[in-house]
Amino acid sequence: MSDLIKHVSDASFEADVLQSDKLVLVDYWAEWCGPCKAIAPVLEELAKEYGASVQITKMNVDENRAIPAKFGIRGIPTLMLFKNGQFADTLVGNHPKAKIKAFVDAQL
């Protein structure tokens, strides 16, 4: 896993996501999820491309229950964008890089 992607937890979510001054993408995932594994390299590429302008994070839904429940996560992978500490948009499922990039670019 890259140093560019931050792993967040129920405990760190407020500081890492809601108090961030950057656009934050949260990838809700699980170890056993095939589509989650398929999307991981795309997120790595995007983390390199966006650099400091977007913080890409991952939250394991098996290890963290409170935040996924709060935001109604029912299927994974779910990508959620937060801008200025506020929920901005969501994208559910494994999508091509171009679609994920357009999803993020719409909030930049």
PDB file of N, CA and C in Angstrom:
ATOM      1  N   MET A   1       0.841  -1.181   0.000  1.00  0.00           N
ATOM      2  CA  MET A   1       0.000   0.000   0.000  1.00  0.00           C
ATOM      3  C   MET A   1       0.885   1.243   0.000  1.00  0.00           C
ATOM      4  N   SER A   2       0.470   2.211  -0.713  1.00  0.00           N
ATOM      5  CA  SER A   2       1.221   3.451  -0.897  1.00  0.00           C
ATOM      6  C   SER A   2       1.147   4.357   0.319  1.00  0.00           C
ATOM      7  N   ASP A   3       2.166   5.169   0.488  1.00  0.00           N
ATOM      8  CA  ASP A   3       2.161   6.188   1.533  1.00  0.00           C
ATOM      9  C   ASP A   3       1.204   7.320   1.172  1.00  0.00           C
ATOM     10  N   LEU A   4       0.773   7.379  -0.077  1.00  0.00           N
ATOM     11  CA  LEU A   4      -0.115   8.450  -0.520  1.00  0.00           C
ATOM     12  C   LEU A   4      -1.560   8.233  -0.080  1.00  0.00           C
ATOM     13  N   ILE A   5      -1.893   6.990   0.269  1.00  0.00           N
ATOM     14  CA  ILE A   5      -3.256   6.673   0.692  1.00  0.00           C
ATOM     15  C   ILE A   5      -3.259   6.456   2.201  1.00  0.00           C
ATOM     16  N   LYS A   6      -4.140   7.172   2.864  1.00  0.00           N
ATOM     17  CA  LYS A   6      -4.206   7.135   4.326  1.00  0.00           C
ATOM     18  C   LYS A   6      -5.321   6.196   4.766  1.00  0.00           C
ATOM     19  N   HIS A   7      -5.001   5.338   5.725  1.00  0.00           N
ATOM     20  CA  HIS A   7      -6.030   4.468   6.299  1.00  0.00           C
ATOM     21  C   HIS A   7      -6.666   5.199   7.469  1.00  0.00           C
ATOM     22  N   VAL A   8      -7.998   5.303   7.432  1.00  0.00           N
ATOM     23  CA  VAL A   8      -8.722   6.001   8.486  1.00  0.00           C
ATOM     24  C   VAL A   8      -9.601   5.012   9.241  1.00  0.00           C
ATOM     25  N   SER A   9      -9.974   5.401  10.442  1.00  0.00           N
ATOM     26  CA  SER A   9     -10.795   4.553  11.304  1.00  0.00           C
ATOM     27  C   SER A   9     -11.963   5.371  11.845  1.00  0.00           C
ATOM     28  N   ASP A  10     -12.857   4.683  12.555  1.00  0.00           N
ATOM     29  CA  ASP A  10     -13.951   5.398  13.217  1.00  0.00           C
ATOM     30  C   ASP A  10     -13.378   6.513  14.097  1.00  0.00           C
ATOM     31  N   ALA A  11     -12.292   6.195  14.806  1.00  0.00           N
ATOM     32  CA  ALA A  11     -11.698   7.147  15.749  1.00  0.00           C
ATOM     33  C   ALA A  11     -11.018   8.331  15.057  1.00  0.00           C
ATOM     34  N   SER A  12     -10.413   8.097  13.887  1.00  0.00           N
ATOM     35  CA  SER A  12      -9.651   9.168  13.222  1.00  0.00           C
ATOM     36  C   SER A  12     -10.455   9.901  12.144  1.00  0.00           C
ATOM     37  N   PHE A  13     -11.684   9.448  11.858  1.00  0.00           N
ATOM     38  CA  PHE A  13     -12.462   9.986  10.745  1.00  0.00           C
ATOM     39  C   PHE A  13     -12.659  11.497  10.845  1.00  0.00           C
ATOM     40  N   GLU A  14     -13.033  11.984  12.009  1.00  0.00           N
ATOM     41  CA  GLU A  14     -13.292  13.421  12.138  1.00  0.00           C
ATOM     42  C   GLU A  14     -12.044  14.228  11.821  1.00  0.00           C
ATOM     43  N   ALA A  15     -10.913  13.854  12.406  1.00  0.00           N
ATOM     44  CA  ALA A  15      -9.667  14.593  12.173  1.00  0.00           C
ATOM     45  C   ALA A  15      -9.161  14.430  10.743  1.00  0.00           C
ATOM     46  N   ASP A  16      -9.198  13.205  10.232  1.00  0.00           N
ATOM     47  CA  ASP A  16      -8.617  12.921   8.913  1.00  0.00           C
ATOM     48  C   ASP A  16      -9.494  13.342   7.747  1.00  0.00           C
ATOM     49  N   VAL A  17     -10.804  13.326   7.933  1.00  0.00           N
ATOM     50  CA  VAL A  17     -11.722  13.595   6.827  1.00  0.00           C
ATOM     51  C   VAL A  17     -12.487  14.906   7.039  1.00  0.00           C
ATOM     52  N   LEU A  18     -13.214  14.997   8.135  1.00  0.00           N
ATOM     53  CA  LEU A  18     -14.099  16.142   8.337  1.00  0.00           C
ATOM     54  C   LEU A  18     -13.353  17.443   8.630  1.00  0.00           C
ATOM     55  N   GLN A  19     -12.155  17.348   9.210  1.00  0.00           N
ATOM     56  CA  GLN A  19     -11.393  18.558   9.515  1.00  0.00           C
ATOM     57  C   GLN A  19     -10.306  18.852   8.485  1.00  0.00           C
ATOM     58  N   SER A  20     -10.273  18.091   7.403  1.00  0.00           N
ATOM     59  CA  SER A  20      -9.267  18.293   6.369  1.00  0.00           C
ATOM     60  C   SER A  20      -9.581  19.544   5.546  1.00  0.00           C
ATOM     61  N   ASP A  21      -8.524  20.250   5.160  1.00  0.00           N
ATOM     62  CA  ASP A  21      -8.715  21.420   4.296  1.00  0.00           C
ATOM     63  C   ASP A  21      -8.620  21.042   2.819  1.00  0.00           C
ATOM     64  N   LYS A  22      -8.473  19.746   2.543  1.00  0.00           N
ATOM     65  CA  LYS A  22      -8.413  19.243   1.163  1.00  0.00           C
ATOM     66  C   LYS A  22      -9.711  18.525   0.823  1.00  0.00           C
ATOM     67  N   LEU A  23      -9.898  18.285  -0.462  1.00  0.00           N
ATOM     68  CA  LEU A  23     -10.954  17.374  -0.899  1.00  0.00           C
ATOM     69  C   LEU A  23     -10.510  15.980  -0.464  1.00  0.00           C
ATOM     70  N   VAL A  24     -11.403  15.230   0.192  1.00  0.00           N
ATOM     71  CA  VAL A  24     -11.055  13.896   0.689  1.00  0.00           C
ATOM     72  C   VAL A  24     -11.955  12.863   0.038  1.00  0.00           C
ATOM     73  N   LEU A  25     -11.339  11.834  -0.543  1.00  0.00           N
ATOM     74  CA  LEU A  25     -12.063  10.696  -1.088  1.00  0.00           C
ATOM     75  C   LEU A  25     -11.917   9.556  -0.092  1.00  0.00           C
ATOM     76  N   VAL A  26     -13.035   9.010   0.367  1.00  0.00           N
ATOM     77  CA  VAL A  26     -13.011   7.862   1.273  1.00  0.00           C
ATOM     78  C   VAL A  26     -13.453   6.639   0.489  1.00  0.00           C
ATOM     79  N   ASP A  27     -12.597   5.615   0.496  1.00  0.00           N
ATOM     80  CA  ASP A  27     -12.913   4.328  -0.136  1.00  0.00           C
ATOM     81  C   ASP A  27     -13.316   3.361   0.972  1.00  0.00           C
ATOM     82  N   TYR A  28     -14.613   3.035   1.037  1.00  0.00           N
ATOM     83  CA  TYR A  28     -15.087   2.041   1.999  1.00  0.00           C
ATOM     84  C   TYR A  28     -14.883   0.675   1.352  1.00  0.00           C
ATOM     85  N   TRP A  29     -14.144  -0.211   2.028  1.00  0.00           N
ATOM     86  CA  TRP A  29     -13.733  -1.480   1.426  1.00  0.00           C
ATOM     87  C   TRP A  29     -13.650  -2.572   2.483  1.00  0.00           C
ATOM     88  N   ALA A  30     -13.388  -3.801   2.025  1.00  0.00           N
ATOM     89  CA  ALA A  30     -13.128  -4.935   2.914  1.00  0.00           C
ATOM     90  C   ALA A  30     -12.123  -5.862   2.233  1.00  0.00           C
ATOM     91  N   GLU A  31     -11.376  -6.583   3.046  1.00  0.00           N
ATOM     92  CA  GLU A  31     -10.328  -7.491   2.556  1.00  0.00           C
ATOM     93  C   GLU A  31     -10.884  -8.555   1.608  1.00  0.00           C
ATOM     94  N   TRP A  32     -12.089  -9.046   1.874  1.00  0.00           N
ATOM     95  CA  TRP A  32     -12.679 -10.144   1.105  1.00  0.00           C
ATOM     96  C   TRP A  32     -13.373  -9.687  -0.178  1.00  0.00           C
ATOM     97  N   CYS A  33     -13.425  -8.395  -0.420  1.00  0.00           N
ATOM     98  CA  CYS A  33     -14.199  -7.826  -1.531  1.00  0.00           C
ATOM     99  C   CYS A  33     -13.369  -7.768  -2.823  1.00  0.00           C
ATOM    100  N   GLY A  34     -13.731  -8.587  -3.798  1.00  0.00           N
ATOM    101  CA  GLY A  34     -13.018  -8.617  -5.084  1.00  0.00           C
ATOM    102  C   GLY A  34     -13.007  -7.282  -5.812  1.00  0.00           C
ATOM    103  N   PRO A  35     -14.176  -6.637  -5.995  1.00  0.00           N
ATOM    104  CA  PRO A  35     -14.185  -5.329  -6.659  1.00  0.00           C
ATOM    105  C   PRO A  35     -13.362  -4.277  -5.907  1.00  0.00           C
ATOM    106  N   CYS A  36     -13.295  -4.397  -4.573  1.00  0.00           N
ATOM    107  CA  CYS A  36     -12.477  -3.461  -3.781  1.00  0.00           C
ATOM    108  C   CYS A  36     -11.000  -3.624  -4.137  1.00  0.00           C
ATOM    109  N   LYS A  37     -10.579  -4.884  -4.303  1.00  0.00           N
ATOM    110  CA  LYS A  37      -9.184  -5.150  -4.673  1.00  0.00           C
ATOM    111  C   LYS A  37      -8.899  -4.646  -6.088  1.00  0.00           C
ATOM    112  N   ALA A  38      -9.899  -4.753  -6.966  1.00  0.00           N
ATOM    113  CA  ALA A  38      -9.731  -4.320  -8.358  1.00  0.00           C
ATOM    114  C   ALA A  38      -9.588  -2.802  -8.465  1.00  0.00           C
ATOM    115  N   ILE A  39     -10.244  -2.070  -7.587  1.00  0.00           N
ATOM    116  CA  ILE A  39     -10.230  -0.612  -7.651  1.00  0.00           C
ATOM    117  C   ILE A  39      -8.968  -0.021  -6.993  1.00  0.00           C
ATOM    118  N   ALA A  40      -8.324  -0.791  -6.128  1.00  0.00           N
ATOM    119  CA  ALA A  40      -7.171  -0.297  -5.360  1.00  0.00           C
ATOM    120  C   ALA A  40      -6.048   0.271  -6.237  1.00  0.00           C
ATOM    121  N   PRO A  41      -5.629  -0.410  -7.316  1.00  0.00           N
ATOM    122  CA  PRO A  41      -4.549   0.159  -8.146  1.00  0.00           C
ATOM    123  C   PRO A  41      -4.953   1.477  -8.819  1.00  0.00           C
ATOM    124  N   VAL A  42      -6.232   1.618  -9.157  1.00  0.00           N
ATOM    125  CA  VAL A  42      -6.731   2.853  -9.764  1.00  0.00           C
ATOM    126  C   VAL A  42      -6.608   3.997  -8.757  1.00  0.00           C
ATOM    127  N   LEU A  43      -6.973   3.723  -7.507  1.00  0.00           N
ATOM    128  CA  LEU A  43      -6.868   4.752  -6.468  1.00  0.00           C
ATOM    129  C   LEU A  43      -5.410   5.133  -6.215  1.00  0.00           C
ATOM    130  N   GLU A  44      -4.509   4.156  -6.310  1.00  0.00           N
ATOM    131  CA  GLU A  44      -3.072   4.432  -6.173  1.00  0.00           C
ATOM    132  C   GLU A  44      -2.616   5.401  -7.274  1.00  0.00           C
ATOM    133  N   GLU A  45      -3.025   5.115  -8.508  1.00  0.00           N
ATOM    134  CA  GLU A  45      -2.662   5.982  -9.641  1.00  0.00           C
ATOM    135  C   GLU A  45      -3.206   7.394  -9.438  1.00  0.00           C
ATOM    136  N   LEU A  46      -4.468   7.479  -9.011  1.00  0.00           N
ATOM    137  CA  LEU A  46      -5.083   8.794  -8.803  1.00  0.00           C
ATOM    138  C   LEU A  46      -4.407   9.542  -7.664  1.00  0.00           C
ATOM    139  N   ALA A  47      -3.998   8.839  -6.625  1.00  0.00           N
ATOM    140  CA  ALA A  47      -3.296   9.486  -5.510  1.00  0.00           C
ATOM    141  C   ALA A  47      -2.005  10.132  -6.005  1.00  0.00           C
ATOM    142  N   LYS A  48      -1.310   9.458  -6.912  1.00  0.00           N
ATOM    143  CA  LYS A  48      -0.074  10.016  -7.487  1.00  0.00           C
ATOM    144  C   LYS A  48      -0.392  11.219  -8.371  1.00  0.00           C
ATOM    145  N   GLU A  49      -1.451  11.103  -9.180  1.00  0.00           N
ATOM    146  CA  GLU A  49      -1.809  12.182 -10.107  1.00  0.00           C
ATOM    147  C   GLU A  49      -2.284  13.437  -9.378  1.00  0.00           C
ATOM    148  N   TYR A  50      -3.112  13.261  -8.359  1.00  0.00           N
ATOM    149  CA  TYR A  50      -3.655  14.425  -7.644  1.00  0.00           C
ATOM    150  C   TYR A  50      -2.658  15.020  -6.655  1.00  0.00           C
ATOM    151  N   GLY A  51      -1.723  14.207  -6.194  1.00  0.00           N
ATOM    152  CA  GLY A  51      -0.730  14.709  -5.251  1.00  0.00           C
ATOM    153  C   GLY A  51      -1.385  15.306  -4.020  1.00  0.00           C
ATOM    154  N   ALA A  52      -0.975  16.524  -3.667  1.00  0.00           N
ATOM    155  CA  ALA A  52      -1.447  17.168  -2.445  1.00  0.00           C
ATOM    156  C   ALA A  52      -2.846  17.766  -2.567  1.00  0.00           C
ATOM    157  N   SER A  53      -3.406  17.813  -3.761  1.00  0.00           N
ATOM    158  CA  SER A  53      -4.706  18.484  -3.921  1.00  0.00           C
ATOM    159  C   SER A  53      -5.893  17.645  -3.442  1.00  0.00           C
ATOM    160  N   VAL A  54      -5.730  16.315  -3.407  1.00  0.00           N
ATOM    161  CA  VAL A  54      -6.798  15.424  -2.948  1.00  0.00           C
ATOM    162  C   VAL A  54      -6.196  14.397  -2.000  1.00  0.00           C
ATOM    163  N   GLN A  55      -6.835  14.204  -0.846  1.00  0.00           N
ATOM    164  CA  GLN A  55      -6.406  13.150   0.085  1.00  0.00           C
ATOM    165  C   GLN A  55      -7.268  11.923  -0.169  1.00  0.00           C
ATOM    166  N   ILE A  56      -6.641  10.829  -0.587  1.00  0.00           N
ATOM    167  CA  ILE A  56      -7.374   9.585  -0.787  1.00  0.00           C
ATOM    168  C   ILE A  56      -7.187   8.732   0.460  1.00  0.00           C
ATOM    169  N   THR A  57      -8.319   8.261   0.999  1.00  0.00           N
ATOM    170  CA  THR A  57      -8.285   7.468   2.225  1.00  0.00           C
ATOM    171  C   THR A  57      -9.047   6.166   2.013  1.00  0.00           C
ATOM    172  N   LYS A  58      -8.770   5.199   2.884  1.00  0.00           N
ATOM    173  CA  LYS A  58      -9.461   3.914   2.841  1.00  0.00           C
ATOM    174  C   LYS A  58      -9.983   3.604   4.240  1.00  0.00           C
ATOM    175  N   MET A  59     -11.211   3.100   4.311  1.00  0.00           N
ATOM    176  CA  MET A  59     -11.777   2.665   5.576  1.00  0.00           C
ATOM    177  C   MET A  59     -12.278   1.242   5.442  1.00  0.00           C
ATOM    178  N   ASN A  60     -11.715   0.347   6.247  1.00  0.00           N
ATOM    179  CA  ASN A  60     -12.118  -1.056   6.254  1.00  0.00           C
ATOM    180  C   ASN A  60     -13.437  -1.176   7.016  1.00  0.00           C
ATOM    181  N   VAL A  61     -14.500  -1.606   6.316  1.00  0.00           N
ATOM    182  CA  VAL A  61     -15.830  -1.654   6.924  1.00  0.00           C
ATOM    183  C   VAL A  61     -15.985  -2.803   7.922  1.00  0.00           C
ATOM    184  N   ASP A  62     -15.098  -3.796   7.861  1.00  0.00           N
ATOM    185  CA  ASP A  62     -15.148  -4.889   8.838  1.00  0.00           C
ATOM    186  C   ASP A  62     -14.546  -4.454  10.176  1.00  0.00           C
ATOM    187  N   GLU A  63     -13.562  -3.572  10.124  1.00  0.00           N
ATOM    188  CA  GLU A  63     -12.881  -3.114  11.335  1.00  0.00           C
ATOM    189  C   GLU A  63     -13.507  -1.845  11.910  1.00  0.00           C
ATOM    190  N   ASN A  64     -14.271  -1.134  11.102  1.00  0.00           N
ATOM    191  CA  ASN A  64     -14.890   0.127  11.511  1.00  0.00           C
ATOM    192  C   ASN A  64     -16.366   0.082  11.158  1.00  0.00           C
ATOM    193  N   ARG A  65     -17.212   0.095  12.151  1.00  0.00           N
ATOM    194  CA  ARG A  65     -18.650  -0.057  11.915  1.00  0.00           C
ATOM    195  C   ARG A  65     -19.426   1.259  12.038  1.00  0.00           C
ATOM    196  N   ALA A  66     -18.989   2.157  12.907  1.00  0.00           N
ATOM    197  CA  ALA A  66     -19.778   3.355  13.224  1.00  0.00           C
ATOM    198  C   ALA A  66     -19.918   4.308  12.040  1.00  0.00           C
ATOM    199  N   ILE A  67     -18.794   4.673  11.419  1.00  0.00           N
ATOM    200  CA  ILE A  67     -18.833   5.647  10.317  1.00  0.00           C
ATOM    201  C   ILE A  67     -19.569   5.084   9.095  1.00  0.00           C
ATOM    202  N   PRO A  68     -19.258   3.850   8.653  1.00  0.00           N
ATOM    203  CA  PRO A  68     -20.038   3.318   7.526  1.00  0.00           C
ATOM    204  C   PRO A  68     -21.539   3.281   7.818  1.00  0.00           C
ATOM    205  N   ALA A  69     -21.923   2.955   9.045  1.00  0.00           N
ATOM    206  CA  ALA A  69     -23.345   2.934   9.400  1.00  0.00           C
ATOM    207  C   ALA A  69     -23.922   4.350   9.371  1.00  0.00           C
ATOM    208  N   LYS A  70     -23.163   5.322   9.874  1.00  0.00           N
ATOM    209  CA  LYS A  70     -23.625   6.713   9.907  1.00  0.00           C
ATOM    210  C   LYS A  70     -23.935   7.222   8.498  1.00  0.00           C
ATOM    211  N   PHE A  71     -23.104   6.823   7.521  1.00  0.00           N
ATOM    212  CA  PHE A  71     -23.287   7.296   6.151  1.00  0.00           C
ATOM    213  C   PHE A  71     -24.072   6.314   5.277  1.00  0.00           C
ATOM    214  N   GLY A  72     -24.636   5.283   5.883  1.00  0.00           N
ATOM    215  CA  GLY A  72     -25.521   4.370   5.159  1.00  0.00           C
ATOM    216  C   GLY A  72     -24.833   3.515   4.112  1.00  0.00           C
ATOM    217  N   ILE A  73     -23.595   3.122   4.374  1.00  0.00           N
ATOM    218  CA  ILE A  73     -22.865   2.283   3.416  1.00  0.00           C
ATOM    219  C   ILE A  73     -23.492   0.890   3.413  1.00  0.00           C
ATOM    220  N   ARG A  74     -24.022   0.484   2.263  1.00  0.00           N
ATOM    221  CA  ARG A  74     -24.672  -0.819   2.145  1.00  0.00           C
ATOM    222  C   ARG A  74     -23.925  -1.750   1.197  1.00  0.00           C
ATOM    223  N   GLY A  75     -23.186  -1.186   0.258  1.00  0.00           N
ATOM    224  CA  GLY A  75     -22.431  -1.985  -0.701  1.00  0.00           C
ATOM    225  C   GLY A  75     -21.020  -1.444  -0.807  1.00  0.00           C
ATOM    226  N   ILE A  76     -20.079  -2.322  -1.098  1.00  0.00           N
ATOM    227  CA  ILE A  76     -18.691  -1.886  -1.275  1.00  0.00           C
ATOM    228  C   ILE A  76     -18.161  -2.436  -2.592  1.00  0.00           C
ATOM    229  N   PRO A  77     -17.224  -1.751  -3.215  1.00  0.00           N
ATOM    230  CA  PRO A  77     -16.647  -0.492  -2.754  1.00  0.00           C
ATOM    231  C   PRO A  77     -17.621   0.685  -2.914  1.00  0.00           C
ATOM    232  N   THR A  78     -17.575   1.578  -1.965  1.00  0.00           N
ATOM    233  CA  THR A  78     -18.279   2.852  -2.060  1.00  0.00           C
ATOM    234  C   THR A  78     -17.242   3.952  -1.925  1.00  0.00           C
ATOM    235  N   LEU A  79     -17.246   4.874  -2.866  1.00  0.00           N
ATOM    236  CA  LEU A  79     -16.359   6.035  -2.809  1.00  0.00           C
ATOM    237  C   LEU A  79     -17.206   7.231  -2.401  1.00  0.00           C
ATOM    238  N   MET A  80     -16.725   7.971  -1.413  1.00  0.00           N
ATOM    239  CA  MET A  80     -17.460   9.126  -0.916  1.00  0.00           C
ATOM    240  C   MET A  80     -16.514  10.314  -0.871  1.00  0.00           C
ATOM    241  N   LEU A  81     -16.987  11.451  -1.374  1.00  0.00           N
ATOM    242  CA  LEU A  81     -16.173  12.669  -1.356  1.00  0.00           C
ATOM    243  C   LEU A  81     -16.668  13.622  -0.277  1.00  0.00           C
ATOM    244  N   PHE A  82     -15.705  14.226   0.418  1.00  0.00           N
ATOM    245  CA  PHE A  82     -15.986  15.236   1.430  1.00  0.00           C
ATOM    246  C   PHE A  82     -15.201  16.487   1.072  1.00  0.00           C
ATOM    247  N   LYS A  83     -15.910  17.619   1.052  1.00  0.00           N
ATOM    248  CA  LYS A  83     -15.292  18.896   0.705  1.00  0.00           C
ATOM    249  C   LYS A  83     -15.576  19.873   1.838  1.00  0.00           C
ATOM    250  N   ASN A  84     -14.512  20.469   2.387  1.00  0.00           N
ATOM    251  CA  ASN A  84     -14.658  21.392   3.518  1.00  0.00           C
ATOM    252  C   ASN A  84     -15.431  20.757   4.671  1.00  0.00           C
ATOM    253  N   GLY A  85     -15.169  19.470   4.909  1.00  0.00           N
ATOM    254  CA  GLY A  85     -15.795  18.777   6.024  1.00  0.00           C
ATOM    255  C   GLY A  85     -17.225  18.337   5.801  1.00  0.00           C
ATOM    256  N   GLN A  86     -17.748  18.577   4.602  1.00  0.00           N
ATOM    257  CA  GLN A  86     -19.130  18.219   4.296  1.00  0.00           C
ATOM    258  C   GLN A  86     -19.185  17.129   3.235  1.00  0.00           C
ATOM    259  N   PHE A  87     -20.145  16.223   3.375  1.00  0.00           N
ATOM    260  CA  PHE A  87     -20.373  15.211   2.349  1.00  0.00           C
ATOM    261  C   PHE A  87     -20.672  15.912   1.027  1.00  0.00           C
ATOM    262  N   ALA A  88     -20.009  15.488  -0.045  1.00  0.00           N
ATOM    263  CA  ALA A  88     -20.203  16.123  -1.351  1.00  0.00           C
ATOM    264  C   ALA A  88     -20.858  15.195  -2.378  1.00  0.00           C
ATOM    265  N   ASP A  89     -20.429  13.922  -2.444  1.00  0.00           N
ATOM    266  CA  ASP A  89     -20.954  13.027  -3.474  1.00  0.00           C
ATOM    267  C   ASP A  89     -20.549  11.594  -3.152  1.00  0.00           C
ATOM    268  N   THR A  90     -21.223  10.650  -3.800  1.00  0.00           N
ATOM    269  CA  THR A  90     -20.907   9.239  -3.595  1.00  0.00           C
ATOM    270  C   THR A  90     -20.963   8.484  -4.918  1.00  0.00           C
ATOM    271  N   LEU A  91     -20.158   7.434  -5.009  1.00  0.00           N
ATOM    272  CA  LEU A  91     -20.092   6.573  -6.189  1.00  0.00           C
ATOM    273  C   LEU A  91     -19.941   5.142  -5.686  1.00  0.00           C
ATOM    274  N   VAL A  92     -20.883   4.283  -6.045  1.00  0.00           N
ATOM    275  CA  VAL A  92     -20.866   2.906  -5.550  1.00  0.00           C
ATOM    276  C   VAL A  92     -20.449   1.954  -6.658  1.00  0.00           C
ATOM    277  N   GLY A  93     -19.540   1.031  -6.323  1.00  0.00           N
ATOM    278  CA  GLY A  93     -19.126  -0.006  -7.264  1.00  0.00           C
ATOM    279  C   GLY A  93     -17.753   0.234  -7.846  1.00  0.00           C
ATOM    280  N   ASN A  94     -17.305  -0.744  -8.615  1.00  0.00           N
ATOM    281  CA  ASN A  94     -16.007  -0.680  -9.282  1.00  0.00           C
ATOM    282  C   ASN A  94     -16.222   0.002 -10.632  1.00  0.00           C
ATOM    283  N   HIS A  95     -15.517   1.099 -10.848  1.00  0.00           N
ATOM    284  CA  HIS A  95     -15.674   1.858 -12.084  1.00  0.00           C
ATOM    285  C   HIS A  95     -14.317   2.063 -12.749  1.00  0.00           C
ATOM    286  N   PRO A  96     -14.300   2.351 -14.063  1.00  0.00           N
ATOM    287  CA  PRO A  96     -13.041   2.636 -14.742  1.00  0.00           C
ATOM    288  C   PRO A  96     -12.415   3.926 -14.184  1.00  0.00           C
ATOM    289  N   LYS A  97     -11.121   4.024 -14.358  1.00  0.00           N
ATOM    290  CA  LYS A  97     -10.377   5.182 -13.859  1.00  0.00           C
ATOM    291  C   LYS A  97     -10.979   6.501 -14.345  1.00  0.00           C
ATOM    292  N   ALA A  98     -11.371   6.574 -15.614  1.00  0.00           N
ATOM    293  CA  ALA A  98     -11.904   7.822 -16.174  1.00  0.00           C
ATOM    294  C   ALA A  98     -13.163   8.274 -15.433  1.00  0.00           C
ATOM    295  N   LYS A  99     -14.009   7.331 -15.052  1.00  0.00           N
ATOM    296  CA  LYS A  99     -15.238   7.691 -14.337  1.00  0.00           C
ATOM    297  C   LYS A  99     -14.920   8.173 -12.918  1.00  0.00           C
ATOM    298  N   ILE A 100     -13.984   7.512 -12.256  1.00  0.00           N
ATOM    299  CA  ILE A 100     -13.602   7.932 -10.898  1.00  0.00           C
ATOM    300  C   ILE A 100     -12.935   9.302 -10.954  1.00  0.00           C
ATOM    301  N   LYS A 101     -12.099   9.512 -11.957  1.00  0.00           N
ATOM    302  CA  LYS A 101     -11.425  10.810 -12.103  1.00  0.00           C
ATOM    303  C   LYS A 101     -12.451  11.913 -12.344  1.00  0.00           C
ATOM    304  N   ALA A 102     -13.435  11.676 -13.187  1.00  0.00           N
ATOM    305  CA  ALA A 102     -14.488  12.669 -13.451  1.00  0.00           C
ATOM    306  C   ALA A 102     -15.303  12.954 -12.186  1.00  0.00           C
ATOM    307  N   PHE A 103     -15.552  11.897 -11.391  1.00  0.00           N
ATOM    308  CA  PHE A 103     -16.273  12.012 -10.125  1.00  0.00           C
ATOM    309  C   PHE A 103     -15.514  12.962  -9.179  1.00  0.00           C
ATOM    310  N   VAL A 104     -14.197  12.793  -9.086  1.00  0.00           N
ATOM    311  CA  VAL A 104     -13.377  13.646  -8.218  1.00  0.00           C
ATOM    312  C   VAL A 104     -13.252  15.051  -8.812  1.00  0.00           C
ATOM    313  N   ASP A 105     -12.965  15.125 -10.107  1.00  0.00           N
ATOM    314  CA  ASP A 105     -12.754  16.432 -10.768  1.00  0.00           C
ATOM    315  C   ASP A 105     -13.975  17.353 -10.635  1.00  0.00           C
ATOM    316  N   ALA A 106     -15.160  16.778 -10.580  1.00  0.00           N
ATOM    317  CA  ALA A 106     -16.382  17.580 -10.461  1.00  0.00           C
ATOM    318  C   ALA A 106     -16.425  18.377  -9.159  1.00  0.00           C
ATOM    319  N   GLN A 107     -15.638  17.949  -8.160  1.00  0.00           N
ATOM    320  CA  GLN A 107     -15.629  18.640  -6.859  1.00  0.00           C
ATOM    321  C   GLN A 107     -14.407  19.544  -6.663  1.00  0.00           C
ATOM    322  N   LEU A 108     -13.463  19.473  -7.592  1.00  0.00           N
ATOM    323  CA  LEU A 108     -12.241  20.292  -7.443  1.00  0.00           C
ATOM    324  C   LEU A 108     -12.463  21.721  -7.879  1.00  0.00           C
TER     325      LEU A 108
END
